[in-house]
């Protein structure tokens, strides 16, 4: 399959926005960690579960960013290969770039699911019955 120089270039805005979103997630999580108050919660099991959750999310966000940056790098490399008339190599590199982008998105979904589980855990400790609105 022959691709043109513009095919990988179309991913530039998408990957850039994705990396920006990942950075925002990281900064928000970093803020949560910096403001984490150990003295607020007397339940050691809950505190340890929250810390484990935060560590897992940090690792996932790091891998998301690495895969996204790797995808961006390979996208540029594929453009260089296509520009140098190495069509087959450029197409192969671009395909691997797409695989890395897909992996990055999959990690993003995993991180979102873990984040939602953390929020559910936090809400369960507030002891508010489901379906009732607070006064």
N, C-alpha and C. Protein backbone atom coordinates (compact mmCIF):
# COMPACT_ATOMS: atom_id res chain seq x y z
N UNK A 1 0.84 -1.18 0.00
CA UNK A 1 0.00 0.00 0.00
C UNK A 1 0.88 1.24 0.00
N UNK A 2 0.63 2.12 -0.92
CA UNK A 2 1.37 3.38 -0.98
C UNK A 2 0.58 4.47 -0.28
N UNK A 3 1.30 5.16 0.60
CA UNK A 3 0.68 6.31 1.26
C UNK A 3 1.46 7.55 0.87
N UNK A 4 0.77 8.67 0.90
CA UNK A 4 1.43 9.93 0.56
C UNK A 4 1.99 10.57 1.81
N UNK A 5 2.73 11.61 1.61
CA UNK A 5 3.34 12.35 2.71
C UNK A 5 2.28 12.96 3.63
N UNK A 6 1.12 13.27 3.06
CA UNK A 6 0.07 13.92 3.87
C UNK A 6 -0.67 12.95 4.79
N UNK A 7 -0.60 11.66 4.52
CA UNK A 7 -1.32 10.70 5.36
C UNK A 7 -0.80 10.72 6.81
N UNK A 8 0.50 10.55 7.05
CA UNK A 8 0.97 10.66 8.44
C UNK A 8 0.79 12.07 9.01
N UNK A 9 0.86 13.07 8.15
CA UNK A 9 0.73 14.45 8.62
C UNK A 9 -0.66 14.72 9.20
N UNK A 10 -1.65 13.97 8.74
CA UNK A 10 -3.01 14.16 9.27
C UNK A 10 -3.11 13.77 10.74
N UNK A 11 -2.20 12.96 11.22
CA UNK A 11 -2.25 12.56 12.63
C UNK A 11 -1.63 13.59 13.57
N UNK A 12 -0.89 14.53 13.05
CA UNK A 12 -0.21 15.50 13.91
C UNK A 12 -1.14 16.21 14.88
N UNK A 13 -2.24 16.80 14.41
CA UNK A 13 -3.13 17.49 15.37
C UNK A 13 -3.74 16.53 16.39
N UNK A 14 -4.10 15.35 15.95
CA UNK A 14 -4.73 14.39 16.86
C UNK A 14 -3.75 13.95 17.94
N UNK A 15 -2.54 13.61 17.55
CA UNK A 15 -1.56 13.16 18.53
C UNK A 15 -1.18 14.29 19.46
N UNK A 16 -1.04 15.49 18.94
CA UNK A 16 -0.70 16.64 19.78
C UNK A 16 -1.77 16.91 20.83
N UNK A 17 -3.03 16.86 20.42
CA UNK A 17 -4.12 17.07 21.38
C UNK A 17 -4.19 15.94 22.40
N UNK A 18 -3.92 14.74 21.95
CA UNK A 18 -3.92 13.60 22.85
C UNK A 18 -2.82 13.75 23.91
N UNK A 19 -1.64 14.15 23.49
CA UNK A 19 -0.55 14.35 24.44
C UNK A 19 -0.87 15.48 25.42
N UNK A 20 -1.54 16.51 24.95
CA UNK A 20 -1.97 17.60 25.82
C UNK A 20 -2.97 17.10 26.86
N UNK A 21 -3.91 16.27 26.42
CA UNK A 21 -4.90 15.70 27.35
C UNK A 21 -4.20 14.82 28.39
N UNK A 22 -3.23 14.03 27.96
CA UNK A 22 -2.49 13.18 28.88
C UNK A 22 -1.71 14.02 29.90
N UNK A 23 -1.13 15.11 29.44
CA UNK A 23 -0.40 15.99 30.34
C UNK A 23 -1.34 16.61 31.36
N UNK A 24 -2.52 17.00 30.93
CA UNK A 24 -3.51 17.55 31.87
C UNK A 24 -3.92 16.52 32.91
N UNK A 25 -4.10 15.28 32.48
CA UNK A 25 -4.42 14.20 33.42
C UNK A 25 -3.30 14.05 34.44
N UNK A 26 -2.07 14.06 33.95
CA UNK A 26 -0.92 13.90 34.84
C UNK A 26 -0.86 15.04 35.85
N UNK A 27 -1.04 16.27 35.39
CA UNK A 27 -0.97 17.41 36.30
C UNK A 27 -2.08 17.37 37.35
N UNK A 28 -3.26 16.95 36.96
CA UNK A 28 -4.37 16.83 37.90
C UNK A 28 -4.07 15.75 38.93
N UNK A 29 -3.56 14.62 38.47
CA UNK A 29 -3.22 13.54 39.39
C UNK A 29 -2.08 13.96 40.32
N UNK A 30 -1.11 14.68 39.79
CA UNK A 30 0.00 15.17 40.63
C UNK A 30 -0.53 16.09 41.72
N UNK A 31 -1.50 16.92 41.38
CA UNK A 31 -2.11 17.80 42.37
C UNK A 31 -2.84 17.02 43.45
N UNK A 32 -3.56 15.98 43.03
CA UNK A 32 -4.27 15.13 43.99
C UNK A 32 -3.27 14.48 44.94
N UNK A 33 -2.17 13.99 44.40
CA UNK A 33 -1.17 13.32 45.23
C UNK A 33 -0.51 14.31 46.18
N UNK A 34 -0.19 15.49 45.70
CA UNK A 34 0.45 16.49 46.56
C UNK A 34 -0.47 16.94 47.70
N UNK A 35 -1.77 16.92 47.44
CA UNK A 35 -2.74 17.35 48.46
C UNK A 35 -3.32 16.19 49.25
N UNK A 36 -2.79 15.00 49.04
CA UNK A 36 -3.28 13.81 49.74
C UNK A 36 -2.98 13.95 51.22
N UNK A 37 -4.00 13.84 52.05
CA UNK A 37 -3.86 14.04 53.49
C UNK A 37 -3.98 12.71 54.20
N UNK A 38 -2.87 12.22 54.73
CA UNK A 38 -2.88 10.94 55.44
C UNK A 38 -3.60 11.02 56.78
N UNK A 39 -3.61 12.18 57.40
CA UNK A 39 -4.22 12.31 58.71
C UNK A 39 -5.75 12.37 58.63
N UNK A 40 -6.28 12.65 57.44
CA UNK A 40 -7.74 12.81 57.29
C UNK A 40 -8.49 11.49 57.42
N UNK A 41 -7.89 10.41 56.97
CA UNK A 41 -8.58 9.12 56.94
C UNK A 41 -7.93 8.17 57.93
N UNK A 42 -8.72 7.68 58.87
CA UNK A 42 -8.19 6.74 59.87
C UNK A 42 -8.20 5.30 59.39
N UNK A 43 -8.84 5.02 58.29
CA UNK A 43 -8.93 3.67 57.75
C UNK A 43 -7.68 3.38 56.93
N UNK A 44 -6.74 2.61 57.53
CA UNK A 44 -5.45 2.34 56.88
C UNK A 44 -5.62 1.54 55.60
N UNK A 45 -6.60 0.63 55.57
CA UNK A 45 -6.83 -0.16 54.35
C UNK A 45 -7.28 0.73 53.21
N UNK A 46 -8.16 1.68 53.52
CA UNK A 46 -8.64 2.61 52.50
C UNK A 46 -7.49 3.49 52.00
N UNK A 47 -6.67 3.96 52.91
CA UNK A 47 -5.53 4.80 52.53
C UNK A 47 -4.56 4.03 51.64
N UNK A 48 -4.27 2.79 52.01
CA UNK A 48 -3.36 1.98 51.19
C UNK A 48 -3.96 1.69 49.83
N UNK A 49 -5.27 1.46 49.77
CA UNK A 49 -5.93 1.21 48.49
C UNK A 49 -5.88 2.45 47.61
N UNK A 50 -6.06 3.62 48.22
CA UNK A 50 -6.00 4.87 47.45
C UNK A 50 -4.59 5.11 46.92
N UNK A 51 -3.59 4.85 47.75
CA UNK A 51 -2.20 5.04 47.32
C UNK A 51 -1.86 4.07 46.19
N UNK A 52 -2.28 2.83 46.31
CA UNK A 52 -2.04 1.85 45.25
C UNK A 52 -2.72 2.28 43.95
N UNK A 53 -3.93 2.79 44.09
CA UNK A 53 -4.68 3.28 42.92
C UNK A 53 -3.94 4.43 42.25
N UNK A 54 -3.44 5.37 43.05
CA UNK A 54 -2.73 6.52 42.50
C UNK A 54 -1.43 6.08 41.81
N UNK A 55 -0.73 5.14 42.41
CA UNK A 55 0.51 4.63 41.78
C UNK A 55 0.22 3.96 40.44
N UNK A 56 -0.84 3.17 40.40
CA UNK A 56 -1.22 2.50 39.15
C UNK A 56 -1.56 3.52 38.09
N UNK A 57 -2.31 4.54 38.47
CA UNK A 57 -2.69 5.58 37.51
C UNK A 57 -1.49 6.37 37.01
N UNK A 58 -0.54 6.65 37.89
CA UNK A 58 0.69 7.34 37.47
C UNK A 58 1.44 6.51 36.43
N UNK A 59 1.57 5.22 36.71
CA UNK A 59 2.26 4.33 35.78
C UNK A 59 1.55 4.28 34.43
N UNK A 60 0.23 4.18 34.45
CA UNK A 60 -0.52 4.14 33.20
C UNK A 60 -0.37 5.45 32.41
N UNK A 61 -0.43 6.57 33.11
CA UNK A 61 -0.29 7.86 32.41
C UNK A 61 1.11 7.99 31.83
N UNK A 62 2.11 7.52 32.56
CA UNK A 62 3.48 7.55 32.02
C UNK A 62 3.57 6.72 30.74
N UNK A 63 3.00 5.53 30.77
CA UNK A 63 3.03 4.67 29.58
C UNK A 63 2.20 5.27 28.44
N UNK A 64 1.08 5.91 28.78
CA UNK A 64 0.27 6.57 27.75
C UNK A 64 1.08 7.65 27.05
N UNK A 65 1.78 8.45 27.85
CA UNK A 65 2.58 9.54 27.29
C UNK A 65 3.73 8.98 26.45
N UNK A 66 4.37 7.94 26.93
CA UNK A 66 5.47 7.34 26.18
C UNK A 66 4.98 6.77 24.85
N UNK A 67 3.86 6.07 24.88
CA UNK A 67 3.33 5.49 23.65
C UNK A 67 2.87 6.59 22.69
N UNK A 68 2.26 7.64 23.22
CA UNK A 68 1.84 8.76 22.37
C UNK A 68 3.02 9.47 21.74
N UNK A 69 4.06 9.71 22.55
CA UNK A 69 5.26 10.37 22.02
C UNK A 69 5.96 9.46 21.01
N UNK A 70 5.98 8.16 21.29
CA UNK A 70 6.57 7.21 20.35
C UNK A 70 5.81 7.19 19.04
N UNK A 71 4.50 7.26 19.12
CA UNK A 71 3.67 7.31 17.92
C UNK A 71 3.97 8.57 17.11
N UNK A 72 4.09 9.69 17.81
CA UNK A 72 4.40 10.95 17.15
C UNK A 72 5.77 10.88 16.46
N UNK A 73 6.75 10.33 17.17
CA UNK A 73 8.10 10.18 16.63
C UNK A 73 8.09 9.31 15.36
N UNK A 74 7.42 8.17 15.44
CA UNK A 74 7.37 7.28 14.29
C UNK A 74 6.59 7.89 13.13
N UNK A 75 5.61 8.71 13.45
CA UNK A 75 4.85 9.40 12.41
C UNK A 75 5.78 10.34 11.62
N UNK A 76 6.59 11.08 12.35
CA UNK A 76 7.56 11.97 11.70
C UNK A 76 8.59 11.16 10.92
N UNK A 77 9.07 10.08 11.51
CA UNK A 77 10.04 9.23 10.84
C UNK A 77 9.46 8.63 9.55
N UNK A 78 8.20 8.25 9.59
CA UNK A 78 7.58 7.71 8.37
C UNK A 78 7.47 8.78 7.30
N UNK A 79 7.21 10.01 7.71
CA UNK A 79 7.17 11.11 6.74
C UNK A 79 8.54 11.31 6.10
N UNK A 80 9.59 11.22 6.90
CA UNK A 80 10.94 11.36 6.36
C UNK A 80 11.26 10.24 5.38
N UNK A 81 10.86 9.03 5.73
CA UNK A 81 11.11 7.89 4.84
C UNK A 81 10.34 8.06 3.53
N UNK A 82 9.10 8.49 3.61
CA UNK A 82 8.30 8.69 2.40
C UNK A 82 8.90 9.82 1.57
N UNK A 83 9.34 10.88 2.23
CA UNK A 83 9.96 12.01 1.54
C UNK A 83 11.23 11.57 0.81
N UNK A 84 11.97 10.63 1.41
CA UNK A 84 13.20 10.12 0.79
C UNK A 84 12.93 9.00 -0.21
N UNK A 85 11.66 8.81 -0.56
CA UNK A 85 11.23 7.80 -1.53
C UNK A 85 11.45 6.36 -1.07
N UNK A 86 11.38 6.14 0.24
CA UNK A 86 11.39 4.79 0.80
C UNK A 86 9.95 4.46 1.20
N UNK A 87 9.13 4.25 0.20
CA UNK A 87 7.69 4.08 0.38
C UNK A 87 7.34 2.91 1.29
N UNK A 88 7.94 1.75 1.05
CA UNK A 88 7.60 0.56 1.83
C UNK A 88 8.01 0.72 3.29
N UNK A 89 9.21 1.23 3.50
CA UNK A 89 9.68 1.46 4.87
C UNK A 89 8.81 2.50 5.56
N UNK A 90 8.50 3.58 4.86
CA UNK A 90 7.65 4.63 5.42
C UNK A 90 6.28 4.12 5.79
N UNK A 91 5.71 3.27 4.93
CA UNK A 91 4.39 2.70 5.23
C UNK A 91 4.45 1.78 6.45
N UNK A 92 5.51 1.02 6.55
CA UNK A 92 5.66 0.12 7.71
C UNK A 92 5.83 0.90 9.01
N UNK A 93 6.63 1.93 8.95
CA UNK A 93 6.83 2.76 10.15
C UNK A 93 5.52 3.44 10.53
N UNK A 94 4.78 3.90 9.56
CA UNK A 94 3.50 4.54 9.84
C UNK A 94 2.52 3.54 10.47
N UNK A 95 2.53 2.32 9.99
CA UNK A 95 1.66 1.29 10.57
C UNK A 95 2.02 1.05 12.04
N UNK A 96 3.30 1.01 12.34
CA UNK A 96 3.72 0.83 13.74
C UNK A 96 3.34 2.04 14.57
N UNK A 97 3.39 3.22 13.96
CA UNK A 97 2.95 4.43 14.65
C UNK A 97 1.48 4.33 15.05
N UNK A 98 0.67 3.78 14.16
CA UNK A 98 -0.75 3.60 14.45
C UNK A 98 -0.96 2.58 15.57
N UNK A 99 -0.14 1.54 15.58
CA UNK A 99 -0.23 0.54 16.65
C UNK A 99 0.09 1.17 18.00
N UNK A 100 1.14 2.00 18.06
CA UNK A 100 1.48 2.68 19.30
C UNK A 100 0.37 3.64 19.73
N UNK A 101 -0.24 4.31 18.77
CA UNK A 101 -1.34 5.21 19.09
C UNK A 101 -2.53 4.43 19.66
N UNK A 102 -2.81 3.30 19.08
CA UNK A 102 -3.89 2.44 19.57
C UNK A 102 -3.59 1.95 20.99
N UNK A 103 -2.36 1.56 21.24
CA UNK A 103 -1.94 1.13 22.58
C UNK A 103 -2.10 2.27 23.59
N UNK A 104 -1.72 3.46 23.19
CA UNK A 104 -1.86 4.63 24.04
C UNK A 104 -3.33 4.89 24.40
N UNK A 105 -4.20 4.77 23.42
CA UNK A 105 -5.63 4.96 23.67
C UNK A 105 -6.19 3.88 24.58
N UNK A 106 -5.74 2.64 24.41
CA UNK A 106 -6.19 1.55 25.26
C UNK A 106 -5.76 1.80 26.71
N UNK A 107 -4.53 2.27 26.91
CA UNK A 107 -4.07 2.61 28.25
C UNK A 107 -4.90 3.73 28.84
N UNK A 108 -5.28 4.67 28.00
CA UNK A 108 -6.12 5.78 28.45
C UNK A 108 -7.46 5.28 28.98
N UNK A 109 -8.06 4.35 28.28
CA UNK A 109 -9.33 3.78 28.74
C UNK A 109 -9.14 3.05 30.06
N UNK A 110 -8.05 2.31 30.20
CA UNK A 110 -7.76 1.62 31.47
C UNK A 110 -7.61 2.61 32.61
N UNK A 111 -6.92 3.73 32.35
CA UNK A 111 -6.71 4.73 33.39
C UNK A 111 -8.04 5.38 33.78
N UNK A 112 -8.89 5.63 32.82
CA UNK A 112 -10.20 6.21 33.11
C UNK A 112 -11.01 5.26 33.98
N UNK A 113 -10.99 3.98 33.67
CA UNK A 113 -11.74 2.99 34.46
C UNK A 113 -11.23 2.94 35.90
N UNK A 114 -9.93 2.99 36.07
CA UNK A 114 -9.35 2.99 37.42
C UNK A 114 -9.73 4.26 38.16
N UNK A 115 -9.74 5.37 37.45
CA UNK A 115 -10.13 6.64 38.05
C UNK A 115 -11.58 6.61 38.54
N UNK A 116 -12.44 6.03 37.72
CA UNK A 116 -13.85 5.91 38.11
C UNK A 116 -13.99 4.99 39.32
N UNK A 117 -13.24 3.90 39.36
CA UNK A 117 -13.27 3.01 40.52
C UNK A 117 -12.83 3.75 41.77
N UNK A 118 -11.83 4.61 41.66
CA UNK A 118 -11.37 5.39 42.80
C UNK A 118 -12.46 6.33 43.29
N UNK A 119 -13.15 6.95 42.35
CA UNK A 119 -14.25 7.84 42.75
C UNK A 119 -15.38 7.06 43.41
N UNK A 120 -15.68 5.88 42.90
CA UNK A 120 -16.69 5.02 43.52
C UNK A 120 -16.29 4.64 44.94
N UNK A 121 -15.00 4.32 45.11
CA UNK A 121 -14.50 3.97 46.44
C UNK A 121 -14.65 5.16 47.39
N UNK A 122 -14.32 6.33 46.90
CA UNK A 122 -14.43 7.54 47.72
C UNK A 122 -15.90 7.81 48.09
N UNK A 123 -16.78 7.67 47.13
CA UNK A 123 -18.20 7.89 47.40
C UNK A 123 -18.76 6.86 48.37
N UNK A 124 -18.28 5.63 48.30
CA UNK A 124 -18.79 4.60 49.20
C UNK A 124 -18.42 4.91 50.65
N UNK A 125 -17.34 5.64 50.87
CA UNK A 125 -16.94 6.00 52.23
C UNK A 125 -17.70 7.20 52.76
N UNK A 126 -18.44 7.87 51.91
CA UNK A 126 -19.27 8.98 52.37
C UNK A 126 -20.60 8.49 52.94
N UNK A 127 -20.89 7.20 52.74
CA UNK A 127 -22.09 6.57 53.27
C UNK A 127 -23.38 7.24 52.82
N UNK A 128 -23.43 7.64 51.61
CA UNK A 128 -24.66 8.20 51.04
C UNK A 128 -25.33 7.10 50.25
N UNK A 129 -26.57 6.75 50.62
CA UNK A 129 -27.26 5.69 49.89
C UNK A 129 -27.46 6.08 48.42
N UNK A 130 -27.40 5.09 47.57
CA UNK A 130 -27.59 5.30 46.14
C UNK A 130 -29.01 5.77 45.86
N UNK A 131 -29.15 6.77 45.04
CA UNK A 131 -30.47 7.25 44.64
C UNK A 131 -31.02 8.36 45.51
N UNK A 132 -30.41 8.65 46.64
CA UNK A 132 -30.88 9.73 47.52
C UNK A 132 -30.00 10.96 47.30
N UNK A 133 -30.66 12.08 47.21
CA UNK A 133 -29.94 13.33 47.05
C UNK A 133 -29.63 13.92 48.42
N UNK A 134 -28.41 14.43 48.61
CA UNK A 134 -28.08 15.07 49.88
C UNK A 134 -28.87 16.35 50.05
N UNK A 135 -29.18 16.68 51.32
CA UNK A 135 -29.95 17.90 51.61
C UNK A 135 -29.06 19.10 51.69
